[in-house]
Amino acid sequence: MEENNEIVRTDTDYIQQLDYMTHASFFPRFISYIIDIVVLWAVAQLTIIPVLTVLEVRDVYFGIEALSLENIAVTLLYFIYFTLMTFFFKQTLGKMILGISVVSSKEGMKLTFGQVFFRETVGRVISNALLYLPYLAVLFTDSKIGLHDYIGDTYAVNNKYRAYGDVIKHELHPHTERKLREKENFRQTSDRTFQ
């Protein structure tokens, strides 16, 4: 019986390590963000800038030059792009290229628009206003989450490892699966803290 408990402990530890590996790390997420910024720049250059130039309103601004019509349109494009792509596809173009998806931290739950809005709009406004420093939290948290993930109750996953993990979890012995659920319930909130 003692030997069986040791096997269960090892199996659940292995599954937890696999879960840790499924969380996308900082550098792939950073590269995907750079790709998204390049895509957004190209879209702005091909659509927003020509339209505002033709309408002769490109240099119109409200009070200060930072509130120009061009800056407002590009900022709206930025937030709309990240929010809608994440809500409908769980990934932006950069994340698609690198095989990363955004998922709800509630196991098996679909992303809600509220989660996506808080992650991609509220979380990004705060993170960008703080000079992008909250994104570095991905390096220091166990679940590899940034402030925007924490606000949206989400995390980013590596699709390949997540698929492997799902196959392995599907084939678990019922006793091991029960032990794993017990460990997950205990660890769920502690992993999402910034320590």
C-alpha atoms as a PDB file:
ATOM      1  CA  MET A   1       0.000   0.000   0.000  1.00  0.00           C
ATOM      2  CA  GLU A   2       2.879   2.362   0.860  1.00  0.00           C
ATOM      3  CA  GLU A   3       4.392   1.744  -2.568  1.00  0.00           C
ATOM      4  CA  ASN A   4       1.074   2.631  -4.265  1.00  0.00           C
ATOM      5  CA  ASN A   5       0.893   5.983  -2.404  1.00  0.00           C
ATOM      6  CA  GLU A   6       4.426   6.800  -3.558  1.00  0.00           C
ATOM      7  CA  ILE A   7       3.401   6.161  -7.172  1.00  0.00           C
ATOM      8  CA  VAL A   8       0.355   8.408  -6.791  1.00  0.00           C
ATOM      9  CA  ARG A   9       2.481  11.190  -5.299  1.00  0.00           C
ATOM     10  CA  THR A  10       4.972  10.934  -8.128  1.00  0.00           C
ATOM     11  CA  ASP A  11       2.240  10.910 -10.787  1.00  0.00           C
ATOM     12  CA  THR A  12       0.540  14.000  -9.371  1.00  0.00           C
ATOM     13  CA  ASP A  13       3.882  15.806  -9.050  1.00  0.00           C
ATOM     14  CA  TYR A  14       4.614  14.942 -12.676  1.00  0.00           C
ATOM     15  CA  ILE A  15       1.231  16.263 -13.817  1.00  0.00           C
ATOM     16  CA  GLN A  16       1.759  19.471 -11.840  1.00  0.00           C
ATOM     17  CA  GLN A  17       5.156  19.931 -13.481  1.00  0.00           C
ATOM     18  CA  LEU A  18       3.513  19.370 -16.853  1.00  0.00           C
ATOM     19  CA  ASP A  19       0.944  22.057 -15.986  1.00  0.00           C
ATOM     20  CA  TYR A  20       3.799  24.395 -15.112  1.00  0.00           C
ATOM     21  CA  MET A  21       5.391  23.700 -18.506  1.00  0.00           C
ATOM     22  CA  THR A  22       2.159  24.486 -20.326  1.00  0.00           C
ATOM     23  CA  HIS A  23       2.225  28.089 -19.073  1.00  0.00           C
ATOM     24  CA  ALA A  24       3.874  30.260 -21.725  1.00  0.00           C
ATOM     25  CA  SER A  25       7.048  31.908 -20.502  1.00  0.00           C
ATOM     26  CA  PHE A  26       8.113  35.530 -20.833  1.00  0.00           C
ATOM     27  CA  PHE A  27      10.263  35.469 -23.978  1.00  0.00           C
ATOM     28  CA  PRO A  28       7.800  33.746 -26.361  1.00  0.00           C
ATOM     29  CA  ARG A  29       5.096  36.099 -25.096  1.00  0.00           C
ATOM     30  CA  PHE A  30       7.409  39.079 -25.615  1.00  0.00           C
ATOM     31  CA  ILE A  31       8.213  37.991 -29.192  1.00  0.00           C
ATOM     32  CA  SER A  32       4.500  37.507 -29.930  1.00  0.00           C
ATOM     33  CA  TYR A  33       3.819  41.031 -28.605  1.00  0.00           C
ATOM     34  CA  ILE A  34       6.520  42.467 -30.905  1.00  0.00           C
ATOM     35  CA  ILE A  35       4.923  40.655 -33.865  1.00  0.00           C
ATOM     36  CA  ASP A  36       1.516  42.082 -32.907  1.00  0.00           C
ATOM     37  CA  ILE A  37       2.928  45.607 -32.680  1.00  0.00           C
ATOM     38  CA  VAL A  38       4.448  45.251 -36.171  1.00  0.00           C
ATOM     39  CA  VAL A  39       1.101  43.980 -37.499  1.00  0.00           C
ATOM     40  CA  LEU A  40      -0.746  46.884 -35.874  1.00  0.00           C
ATOM     41  CA  TRP A  41       1.769  49.388 -37.256  1.00  0.00           C
ATOM     42  CA  ALA A  42       1.289  47.964 -40.773  1.00  0.00           C
ATOM     43  CA  VAL A  43      -2.510  48.054 -40.484  1.00  0.00           C
ATOM     44  CA  ALA A  44      -2.392  51.640 -39.230  1.00  0.00           C
ATOM     45  CA  GLN A  45      -0.099  52.653 -42.106  1.00  0.00           C
ATOM     46  CA  LEU A  46      -2.383  51.011 -44.662  1.00  0.00           C
ATOM     47  CA  THR A  47      -5.741  52.142 -43.302  1.00  0.00           C
ATOM     48  CA  ILE A  48      -5.865  54.819 -40.615  1.00  0.00           C
ATOM     49  CA  ILE A  49      -3.115  57.129 -41.887  1.00  0.00           C
ATOM     50  CA  PRO A  50      -4.330  57.257 -45.521  1.00  0.00           C
ATOM     51  CA  VAL A  51      -7.959  57.807 -44.481  1.00  0.00           C
ATOM     52  CA  LEU A  52      -7.067  60.619 -42.080  1.00  0.00           C
ATOM     53  CA  THR A  53      -4.764  62.152 -44.702  1.00  0.00           C
ATOM     54  CA  VAL A  54      -7.453  62.081 -47.405  1.00  0.00           C
ATOM     55  CA  LEU A  55      -9.951  63.640 -44.984  1.00  0.00           C
ATOM     56  CA  GLU A  56      -7.287  66.214 -44.025  1.00  0.00           C
ATOM     57  CA  VAL A  57      -7.783  65.575 -40.302  1.00  0.00           C
ATOM     58  CA  ARG A  58      -4.550  63.734 -39.523  1.00  0.00           C
ATOM     59  CA  ASP A  59      -3.085  66.690 -37.608  1.00  0.00           C
ATOM     60  CA  VAL A  60      -6.259  67.591 -35.726  1.00  0.00           C
ATOM     61  CA  TYR A  61      -5.729  67.338 -31.984  1.00  0.00           C
ATOM     62  CA  PHE A  62      -7.724  67.971 -28.832  1.00  0.00           C
ATOM     63  CA  GLY A  63      -5.898  70.310 -26.485  1.00  0.00           C
ATOM     64  CA  ILE A  64      -2.455  68.717 -26.726  1.00  0.00           C
ATOM     65  CA  GLU A  65      -0.665  67.054 -29.624  1.00  0.00           C
ATOM     66  CA  ALA A  66      -0.656  63.676 -27.845  1.00  0.00           C
ATOM     67  CA  LEU A  67      -4.467  63.701 -28.227  1.00  0.00           C
ATOM     68  CA  SER A  68      -4.349  63.914 -32.002  1.00  0.00           C
ATOM     69  CA  LEU A  69      -7.013  62.146 -34.020  1.00  0.00           C
ATOM     70  CA  GLU A  70      -4.294  59.869 -35.410  1.00  0.00           C
ATOM     71  CA  ASN A  71      -3.088  58.813 -31.935  1.00  0.00           C
ATOM     72  CA  ILE A  72      -6.640  58.213 -30.730  1.00  0.00           C
ATOM     73  CA  ALA A  73      -7.456  56.068 -33.795  1.00  0.00           C
ATOM     74  CA  VAL A  74      -4.245  54.027 -33.461  1.00  0.00           C
ATOM     75  CA  THR A  75      -4.865  53.507 -29.723  1.00  0.00           C
ATOM     76  CA  LEU A  76      -8.418  52.331 -30.393  1.00  0.00           C
ATOM     77  CA  LEU A  77      -7.084  49.956 -33.061  1.00  0.00           C
ATOM     78  CA  TYR A  78      -4.575  48.578 -30.516  1.00  0.00           C
ATOM     79  CA  PHE A  79      -7.193  47.785 -27.850  1.00  0.00           C
ATOM     80  CA  ILE A  80      -9.830  46.549 -30.305  1.00  0.00           C
ATOM     81  CA  TYR A  81      -7.293  44.234 -31.964  1.00  0.00           C
ATOM     82  CA  PHE A  82      -6.088  42.644 -28.707  1.00  0.00           C
ATOM     83  CA  THR A  83      -9.581  42.387 -27.210  1.00  0.00           C
ATOM     84  CA  LEU A  84     -11.413  40.929 -30.210  1.00  0.00           C
ATOM     85  CA  MET A  85      -8.625  38.583 -31.338  1.00  0.00           C
ATOM     86  CA  THR A  86      -8.274  37.190 -27.820  1.00  0.00           C
ATOM     87  CA  PHE A  87     -12.015  36.835 -27.334  1.00  0.00           C
ATOM     88  CA  PHE A  88     -12.774  35.144 -30.666  1.00  0.00           C
ATOM     89  CA  PHE A  89      -9.564  33.184 -31.263  1.00  0.00           C
ATOM     90  CA  LYS A  90      -7.924  33.050 -27.785  1.00  0.00           C
ATOM     91  CA  GLN A  91      -4.809  34.408 -29.493  1.00  0.00           C
ATOM     92  CA  THR A  92      -3.496  37.296 -31.533  1.00  0.00           C
ATOM     93  CA  LEU A  93      -1.514  36.820 -34.749  1.00  0.00           C
ATOM     94  CA  GLY A  94       1.756  36.887 -32.808  1.00  0.00           C
ATOM     95  CA  LYS A  95       0.484  34.247 -30.398  1.00  0.00           C
ATOM     96  CA  MET A  96      -0.749  32.131 -33.331  1.00  0.00           C
ATOM     97  CA  ILE A  97       2.724  32.171 -34.866  1.00  0.00           C
ATOM     98  CA  LEU A  98       4.358  31.124 -31.592  1.00  0.00           C
ATOM     99  CA  GLY A  99       1.672  28.603 -30.560  1.00  0.00           C
ATOM    100  CA  ILE A 100       0.386  30.451 -27.502  1.00  0.00           C
ATOM    101  CA  SER A 101      -3.236  30.773 -26.372  1.00  0.00           C
ATOM    102  CA  VAL A 102      -4.988  32.660 -23.591  1.00  0.00           C
ATOM    103  CA  VAL A 103      -7.191  30.531 -21.342  1.00  0.00           C
ATOM    104  CA  SER A 104      -9.319  31.079 -18.275  1.00  0.00           C
ATOM    105  CA  SER A 105      -7.694  30.200 -14.973  1.00  0.00           C
ATOM    106  CA  LYS A 106     -10.904  28.356 -14.080  1.00  0.00           C
ATOM    107  CA  GLU A 107     -10.242  24.854 -15.372  1.00  0.00           C
ATOM    108  CA  GLY A 108     -12.461  23.917 -18.305  1.00  0.00           C
ATOM    109  CA  MET A 109     -14.226  27.292 -18.461  1.00  0.00           C
ATOM    110  CA  LYS A 110     -14.453  29.271 -21.689  1.00  0.00           C
ATOM    111  CA  LEU A 111     -13.020  32.800 -21.734  1.00  0.00           C
ATOM    112  CA  THR A 112     -15.735  35.358 -21.091  1.00  0.00           C
ATOM    113  CA  PHE A 113     -15.811  38.774 -22.725  1.00  0.00           C
ATOM    114  CA  GLY A 114     -15.438  40.306 -19.267  1.00  0.00           C
ATOM    115  CA  GLN A 115     -12.225  38.383 -18.637  1.00  0.00           C
ATOM    116  CA  VAL A 116     -10.848  39.380 -22.025  1.00  0.00           C
ATOM    117  CA  PHE A 117     -11.870  43.021 -21.576  1.00  0.00           C
ATOM    118  CA  PHE A 118     -10.207  43.242 -18.166  1.00  0.00           C
ATOM    119  CA  ARG A 119      -7.083  41.433 -19.421  1.00  0.00           C
ATOM    120  CA  GLU A 120      -6.645  43.218 -22.731  1.00  0.00           C
ATOM    121  CA  THR A 121      -7.981  46.690 -21.934  1.00  0.00           C
ATOM    122  CA  VAL A 122      -7.860  47.437 -18.221  1.00  0.00           C
ATOM    123  CA  GLY A 123      -4.768  45.304 -17.580  1.00  0.00           C
ATOM    124  CA  ARG A 124      -2.883  46.694 -20.566  1.00  0.00           C
ATOM    125  CA  VAL A 125      -3.763  50.315 -19.741  1.00  0.00           C
ATOM    126  CA  ILE A 126      -2.370  49.837 -16.223  1.00  0.00           C
ATOM    127  CA  SER A 127       0.693  47.887 -17.417  1.00  0.00           C
ATOM    128  CA  ASN A 128       1.487  50.356 -20.213  1.00  0.00           C
ATOM    129  CA  ALA A 129       0.995  53.339 -17.884  1.00  0.00           C
ATOM    130  CA  LEU A 130       3.519  51.771 -15.505  1.00  0.00           C
ATOM    131  CA  LEU A 131       6.150  51.666 -18.288  1.00  0.00           C
ATOM    132  CA  TYR A 132       5.512  47.991 -19.150  1.00  0.00           C
ATOM    133  CA  LEU A 133       7.081  46.868 -15.839  1.00  0.00           C
ATOM    134  CA  PRO A 134       4.086  44.730 -14.712  1.00  0.00           C
ATOM    135  CA  TYR A 135       4.714  42.451 -17.725  1.00  0.00           C
ATOM    136  CA  LEU A 136       7.940  41.393 -16.000  1.00  0.00           C
ATOM    137  CA  ALA A 137       5.845  39.672 -13.325  1.00  0.00           C
ATOM    138  CA  VAL A 138       5.674  36.744 -15.782  1.00  0.00           C
ATOM    139  CA  LEU A 139       9.310  36.064 -14.891  1.00  0.00           C
ATOM    140  CA  PHE A 140       8.640  35.900 -11.148  1.00  0.00           C
ATOM    141  CA  THR A 141       5.301  34.139 -10.651  1.00  0.00           C
ATOM    142  CA  ASP A 142       4.849  30.383 -10.470  1.00  0.00           C
ATOM    143  CA  SER A 143       2.023  30.453 -12.998  1.00  0.00           C
ATOM    144  CA  LYS A 144       3.940  32.839 -15.288  1.00  0.00           C
ATOM    145  CA  ILE A 145       1.246  35.503 -15.158  1.00  0.00           C
ATOM    146  CA  GLY A 146       1.538  39.237 -15.591  1.00  0.00           C
ATOM    147  CA  LEU A 147      -0.604  41.879 -13.965  1.00  0.00           C
ATOM    148  CA  HIS A 148      -2.947  41.881 -16.977  1.00  0.00           C
ATOM    149  CA  ASP A 149      -3.397  38.080 -16.606  1.00  0.00           C
ATOM    150  CA  TYR A 150      -4.091  38.501 -12.907  1.00  0.00           C
ATOM    151  CA  ILE A 151      -6.672  41.224 -13.550  1.00  0.00           C
ATOM    152  CA  GLY A 152      -8.400  39.125 -16.221  1.00  0.00           C
ATOM    153  CA  ASP A 153      -8.120  35.843 -14.250  1.00  0.00           C
ATOM    154  CA  THR A 154      -6.371  34.232 -17.224  1.00  0.00           C
ATOM    155  CA  TYR A 155      -3.023  32.820 -18.220  1.00  0.00           C
ATOM    156  CA  ALA A 156      -1.186  32.144 -21.465  1.00  0.00           C
ATOM    157  CA  VAL A 157      -0.375  28.557 -22.432  1.00  0.00           C
ATOM    158  CA  ASN A 158       1.940  26.840 -24.866  1.00  0.00           C
ATOM    159  CA  ASN A 159      -0.504  24.933 -27.082  1.00  0.00           C
ATOM    160  CA  LYS A 160       1.814  21.987 -27.770  1.00  0.00           C
ATOM    161  CA  TYR A 161       2.477  21.243 -24.087  1.00  0.00           C
ATOM    162  CA  ARG A 162      -1.157  21.827 -23.209  1.00  0.00           C
ATOM    163  CA  ALA A 163      -2.231  19.214 -25.787  1.00  0.00           C
ATOM    164  CA  TYR A 164       0.260  16.710 -24.325  1.00  0.00           C
ATOM    165  CA  GLY A 165      -0.994  17.461 -20.829  1.00  0.00           C
ATOM    166  CA  ASP A 166      -4.620  16.970 -21.845  1.00  0.00           C
ATOM    167  CA  VAL A 167      -3.825  13.557 -23.362  1.00  0.00           C
ATOM    168  CA  ILE A 168      -1.948  12.450 -20.252  1.00  0.00           C
ATOM    169  CA  LYS A 169      -4.675  13.705 -17.888  1.00  0.00           C
ATOM    170  CA  HIS A 170      -7.289  11.877 -19.961  1.00  0.00           C
ATOM    171  CA  GLU A 171      -5.428   8.609 -19.393  1.00  0.00           C
ATOM    172  CA  LEU A 172      -4.977   9.004 -15.612  1.00  0.00           C
ATOM    173  CA  HIS A 173      -5.984   6.298 -13.173  1.00  0.00           C
ATOM    174  CA  PRO A 174      -9.102   7.480 -11.225  1.00  0.00           C
ATOM    175  CA  HIS A 175      -7.252   7.375  -7.880  1.00  0.00           C
ATOM    176  CA  THR A 176      -4.421   9.521  -9.265  1.00  0.00           C
ATOM    177  CA  GLU A 177      -6.918  11.914 -10.813  1.00  0.00           C
ATOM    178  CA  ARG A 178      -8.655  12.379  -7.444  1.00  0.00           C
ATOM    179  CA  LYS A 179      -5.339  13.101  -5.709  1.00  0.00           C
ATOM    180  CA  LEU A 180      -4.433  15.561  -8.447  1.00  0.00           C
ATOM    181  CA  ARG A 181      -7.733  17.427  -8.003  1.00  0.00           C
ATOM    182  CA  GLU A 182      -7.096  17.639  -4.248  1.00  0.00           C
ATOM    183  CA  LYS A 183      -3.652  19.142  -4.869  1.00  0.00           C
ATOM    184  CA  GLU A 184      -5.025  21.535  -7.505  1.00  0.00           C
ATOM    185  CA  ASN A 185      -7.711  22.847  -5.143  1.00  0.00           C
ATOM    186  CA  PHE A 186      -5.076  23.502  -2.494  1.00  0.00           C
ATOM    187  CA  ARG A 187      -2.620  25.160  -4.881  1.00  0.00           C
ATOM    188  CA  GLN A 188      -5.036  27.113  -7.101  1.00  0.00           C
ATOM    189  CA  THR A 189      -4.893  30.435  -5.272  1.00  0.00           C
ATOM    190  CA  SER A 190      -1.310  30.167  -4.026  1.00  0.00           C
ATOM    191  CA  ASP A 191       0.081  29.910  -7.590  1.00  0.00           C
ATOM    192  CA  ARG A 192      -1.546  33.144  -8.665  1.00  0.00           C
ATOM    193  CA  THR A 193       0.106  35.282  -5.990  1.00  0.00           C
ATOM    194  CA  PHE A 194       3.044  37.594  -6.601  1.00  0.00           C
ATOM    195  CA  GLN A 195       5.728  36.337  -4.231  1.00  0.00           C
END
